[in-house]
């Protein structure tokens, strides 16, 4: 982290408490940044921090989506992330001994959050006991027509990840793992997991995401 700040000539910058602005968003008409190579270099370096820094995943994901043509506004966002890094140099991923074999995941999606293509970004964090073992922040491949669809896609993605983790734990001979619990904040997406009936708000959902319906009645999720 110190090396990245030094490379950006921001070792003595003013620290911030949040990695991304909640009130400002990049405008589509912003002027191109005059040194795109520097932007690409710093954005690429920041990606390595997401190996142990879940709190940076969303902000860095946004920065890396604009490596091809960064604007002045994107450069300002990158500097805000660096100022947040400055204030959190002692942050890291803690792994502690845990007797719990409970597997659970938290997920969310920002419906149509990207102003350029109106695609949603999904994120989830998977815990085994009290330890964080997997996390992802990724833009969805298709445009969701409704918030329920965006959340349901996020549910399907985390279901696939949890299924893989269960398979890995079995290979490692880890036993007595509880039935995984997925925690989301969209009732419509939750109901879709157990209700096979389509209606106006769900008929556009791709078939690939419906595999979670088989796992819920079977008691696997």
Protein backbone atom coordinates (compact mmCIF):
# COMPACT_ATOMS: atom_id res chain seq x y z
CA UNK A 1 0.00 0.00 0.00
CA UNK A 2 2.83 2.39 0.84
CA UNK A 3 4.54 1.53 -2.46
CA UNK A 4 1.39 2.39 -4.43
CA UNK A 5 1.00 5.70 -2.60
CA UNK A 6 4.64 6.52 -3.25
CA UNK A 7 4.26 5.64 -6.94
CA UNK A 8 1.29 8.01 -7.15
CA UNK A 9 3.21 10.75 -5.28
CA UNK A 10 0.49 10.69 -2.60
CA UNK A 11 2.42 9.45 0.42
CA UNK A 12 1.53 12.62 2.31
CA UNK A 13 -2.02 12.99 1.01
CA UNK A 14 -4.98 13.81 3.23
CA UNK A 15 -6.69 10.54 4.31
CA UNK A 16 -10.40 9.86 3.70
CA UNK A 17 -12.80 7.54 5.50
CA UNK A 18 -14.67 6.25 2.41
CA UNK A 19 -13.23 4.81 -0.84
CA UNK A 20 -15.92 6.22 -3.13
CA UNK A 21 -18.22 9.23 -3.20
CA UNK A 22 -21.88 8.55 -2.47
CA UNK A 23 -23.06 11.83 -3.98
CA UNK A 24 -20.95 12.27 -7.11
CA UNK A 25 -20.85 10.02 -10.16
CA UNK A 26 -18.69 10.21 -13.29
CA UNK A 27 -20.37 12.08 -16.12
CA UNK A 28 -20.37 10.66 -19.61
CA UNK A 29 -19.21 14.03 -20.99
CA UNK A 30 -16.11 14.37 -18.77
CA UNK A 31 -12.81 15.33 -20.43
CA UNK A 32 -10.31 12.51 -21.12
CA UNK A 33 -7.46 12.22 -18.61
CA UNK A 34 -4.19 13.38 -20.17
CA UNK A 35 -2.05 10.50 -18.80
CA UNK A 36 -4.00 7.23 -19.31
CA UNK A 37 -0.84 5.14 -18.84
CA UNK A 38 -0.46 6.41 -15.28
CA UNK A 39 -4.14 5.69 -14.61
CA UNK A 40 -3.81 2.12 -15.92
CA UNK A 41 -0.67 1.53 -13.88
CA UNK A 42 -2.22 2.66 -10.59
CA UNK A 43 -5.59 0.97 -11.20
CA UNK A 44 -3.79 -2.28 -12.00
CA UNK A 45 -1.66 -2.00 -8.86
CA UNK A 46 -4.76 -1.38 -6.71
CA UNK A 47 -6.26 -4.65 -7.96
CA UNK A 48 -3.68 -6.57 -5.92
CA UNK A 49 -5.04 -5.03 -2.72
CA UNK A 50 -8.41 -6.73 -3.25
CA UNK A 51 -6.72 -10.06 -2.43
CA UNK A 52 -7.08 -9.13 1.25
CA UNK A 53 -9.17 -5.95 1.17
CA UNK A 54 -12.84 -6.66 0.61
CA UNK A 55 -13.72 -3.03 1.37
CA UNK A 56 -11.90 -1.89 -1.78
CA UNK A 57 -13.49 -4.36 -4.21
CA UNK A 58 -16.41 -2.23 -5.42
CA UNK A 59 -14.46 0.99 -5.87
CA UNK A 60 -11.56 -0.68 -7.68
CA UNK A 61 -13.99 -2.64 -9.85
CA UNK A 62 -15.43 0.68 -11.03
CA UNK A 63 -11.98 2.12 -11.75
CA UNK A 64 -10.90 -0.88 -13.80
CA UNK A 65 -13.98 -0.68 -16.02
CA UNK A 66 -12.61 2.53 -17.54
CA UNK A 67 -8.98 1.65 -18.18
CA UNK A 68 -9.42 2.00 -21.96
CA UNK A 69 -10.56 5.65 -21.87
CA UNK A 70 -10.19 7.16 -18.38
CA UNK A 71 -11.59 10.64 -17.82
CA UNK A 72 -10.64 13.39 -15.40
CA UNK A 73 -13.52 12.32 -13.16
CA UNK A 74 -12.23 8.74 -13.08
CA UNK A 75 -8.80 10.04 -12.10
CA UNK A 76 -10.42 11.95 -9.23
CA UNK A 77 -12.13 8.73 -8.14
CA UNK A 78 -8.81 6.89 -8.21
CA UNK A 79 -7.21 9.55 -6.04
CA UNK A 80 -10.08 9.21 -3.56
CA UNK A 81 -9.41 5.48 -3.33
CA UNK A 82 -5.74 6.21 -2.70
CA UNK A 83 -6.63 8.67 0.05
CA UNK A 84 -8.83 5.99 1.62
CA UNK A 85 -5.92 3.52 1.41
CA UNK A 86 -3.81 6.12 3.23
CA UNK A 87 -6.28 6.12 6.13
CA UNK A 88 -6.50 2.31 6.32
CA UNK A 89 -2.88 1.17 6.09
CA UNK A 90 -3.36 -1.13 9.08
CA UNK A 91 -6.42 -2.87 7.61
CA UNK A 92 -6.13 -6.49 6.50
CA UNK A 93 -7.85 -9.86 6.45
CA UNK A 94 -7.99 -11.55 9.87
CA UNK A 95 -8.22 -15.36 10.04
CA UNK A 96 -8.98 -16.72 13.51
CA UNK A 97 -9.51 -20.16 14.96
CA UNK A 98 -13.24 -20.93 14.85
CA UNK A 99 -15.16 -23.95 16.07
CA UNK A 100 -18.19 -23.03 13.97
CA UNK A 101 -18.87 -24.97 10.75
CA UNK A 102 -21.66 -22.61 9.67
CA UNK A 103 -21.42 -21.50 6.05
CA UNK A 104 -23.29 -18.32 5.20
CA UNK A 105 -23.10 -15.56 2.61
CA UNK A 106 -24.25 -11.95 2.32
CA UNK A 107 -25.11 -10.51 -1.08
CA UNK A 108 -26.40 -7.37 -2.74
CA UNK A 109 -26.77 -5.77 -6.15
CA UNK A 110 -27.01 -2.16 -7.31
CA UNK A 111 -29.75 -2.26 -9.93
CA UNK A 112 -28.77 -0.38 -13.13
CA UNK A 113 -25.95 1.30 -11.23
CA UNK A 114 -23.72 1.90 -14.27
CA UNK A 115 -24.70 5.11 -16.04
CA UNK A 116 -23.06 4.03 -19.29
CA UNK A 117 -24.79 0.71 -20.01
CA UNK A 118 -27.27 0.45 -17.10
CA UNK A 119 -25.92 -2.93 -16.03
CA UNK A 120 -25.97 -3.89 -12.37
CA UNK A 121 -23.01 -4.81 -10.19
CA UNK A 122 -23.30 -7.79 -7.84
CA UNK A 123 -21.28 -8.41 -4.72
CA UNK A 124 -21.15 -11.13 -2.10
CA UNK A 125 -19.09 -12.25 0.88
CA UNK A 126 -18.96 -15.88 2.07
CA UNK A 127 -18.10 -16.78 5.66
CA UNK A 128 -17.11 -20.12 7.17
CA UNK A 129 -17.77 -19.65 10.86
CA UNK A 130 -16.44 -16.19 11.70
CA UNK A 131 -13.88 -16.14 8.89
CA UNK A 132 -14.32 -14.51 5.51
CA UNK A 133 -13.26 -17.07 2.88
CA UNK A 134 -14.54 -15.73 -0.45
CA UNK A 135 -15.82 -12.49 -1.95
CA UNK A 136 -16.63 -11.09 -5.38
CA UNK A 137 -17.66 -7.74 -6.84
CA UNK A 138 -18.54 -8.03 -10.54
CA UNK A 139 -20.69 -6.30 -13.12
CA UNK A 140 -23.50 -8.49 -14.46
CA UNK A 141 -23.27 -9.53 -18.12
CA UNK A 142 -26.84 -8.57 -19.03
CA UNK A 143 -29.14 -5.64 -18.27
CA UNK A 144 -31.71 -6.42 -15.58
CA UNK A 145 -35.18 -5.04 -16.34
CA UNK A 146 -36.22 -5.08 -12.68
CA UNK A 147 -34.43 -4.92 -9.34
CA UNK A 148 -35.76 -8.39 -8.52
CA UNK A 149 -33.95 -9.78 -11.54
CA UNK A 150 -30.66 -8.13 -10.57
CA UNK A 151 -30.91 -9.51 -7.02
CA UNK A 152 -31.90 -12.97 -8.27
CA UNK A 153 -28.82 -13.08 -10.51
CA UNK A 154 -26.71 -12.15 -7.49
CA UNK A 155 -28.35 -14.99 -5.54
CA UNK A 156 -27.54 -17.45 -8.32
CA UNK A 157 -23.92 -16.31 -8.44
CA UNK A 158 -23.36 -16.72 -4.72
CA UNK A 159 -25.17 -20.08 -4.81
CA UNK A 160 -22.67 -21.33 -7.39
CA UNK A 161 -19.77 -20.08 -5.24
CA UNK A 162 -21.14 -21.70 -2.07
CA UNK A 163 -21.70 -24.98 -3.93
CA UNK A 164 -18.06 -24.94 -5.03
CA UNK A 165 -16.86 -24.19 -1.48
CA UNK A 166 -18.89 -27.12 -0.15
CA UNK A 167 -17.30 -29.39 -2.74
CA UNK A 168 -13.84 -28.13 -1.74
CA UNK A 169 -14.56 -28.71 1.95
CA UNK A 170 -15.62 -32.30 1.20
CA UNK A 171 -12.34 -32.88 -0.63
CA UNK A 172 -10.51 -31.57 2.45
CA UNK A 173 -12.57 -33.95 4.63
CA UNK A 174 -14.19 -31.09 6.57
CA UNK A 175 -17.39 -32.54 8.04
CA UNK A 176 -20.48 -31.27 9.85
CA UNK A 177 -20.80 -28.15 7.70
CA UNK A 178 -24.26 -26.63 8.13
CA UNK A 179 -26.70 -26.09 5.27
CA UNK A 180 -25.55 -22.77 3.77
CA UNK A 181 -27.64 -19.66 4.39
CA UNK A 182 -27.79 -16.83 1.88
CA UNK A 183 -28.67 -13.38 3.20
CA UNK A 184 -30.16 -10.87 0.77
CA UNK A 185 -32.46 -7.85 1.06
CA UNK A 186 -34.89 -8.47 -1.81
CA UNK A 187 -38.08 -10.38 -1.00
CA UNK A 188 -38.95 -10.85 -4.67
CA UNK A 189 -35.67 -12.64 -5.35
CA UNK A 190 -36.16 -14.78 -2.23
CA UNK A 191 -39.65 -15.84 -3.32
CA UNK A 192 -38.38 -16.74 -6.80
CA UNK A 193 -36.12 -19.39 -5.25
CA UNK A 194 -39.13 -21.45 -4.22
CA UNK A 195 -41.88 -20.27 -6.60
CA UNK A 196 -41.73 -21.75 -10.14
CA UNK A 197 -44.46 -19.44 -11.44
CA UNK A 198 -43.36 -16.71 -13.85
CA UNK A 199 -44.90 -13.27 -13.89
CA UNK A 200 -44.18 -9.91 -15.49
CA UNK A 201 -41.24 -9.09 -13.25
CA UNK A 202 -39.43 -12.42 -13.64
CA UNK A 203 -40.09 -13.79 -17.12
CA UNK A 204 -36.95 -12.10 -18.49
CA UNK A 205 -34.61 -13.93 -16.11
CA UNK A 206 -32.24 -16.27 -17.90
CA UNK A 207 -32.71 -20.01 -17.42
CA UNK A 208 -29.07 -20.34 -16.35
CA UNK A 209 -29.90 -18.67 -13.04
CA UNK A 210 -32.80 -20.94 -12.11
CA UNK A 211 -30.62 -23.80 -10.86
CA UNK A 212 -30.94 -22.32 -7.37
CA UNK A 213 -34.61 -23.40 -7.38
CA UNK A 214 -33.55 -27.03 -7.37
CA UNK A 215 -31.22 -26.54 -4.42
CA UNK A 216 -33.67 -24.74 -2.11
CA UNK A 217 -36.43 -27.44 -2.11
CA UNK A 218 -33.73 -30.09 -1.82
CA UNK A 219 -32.50 -28.44 1.38
CA UNK A 220 -29.02 -27.76 -0.02
CA UNK A 221 -29.38 -23.96 0.34
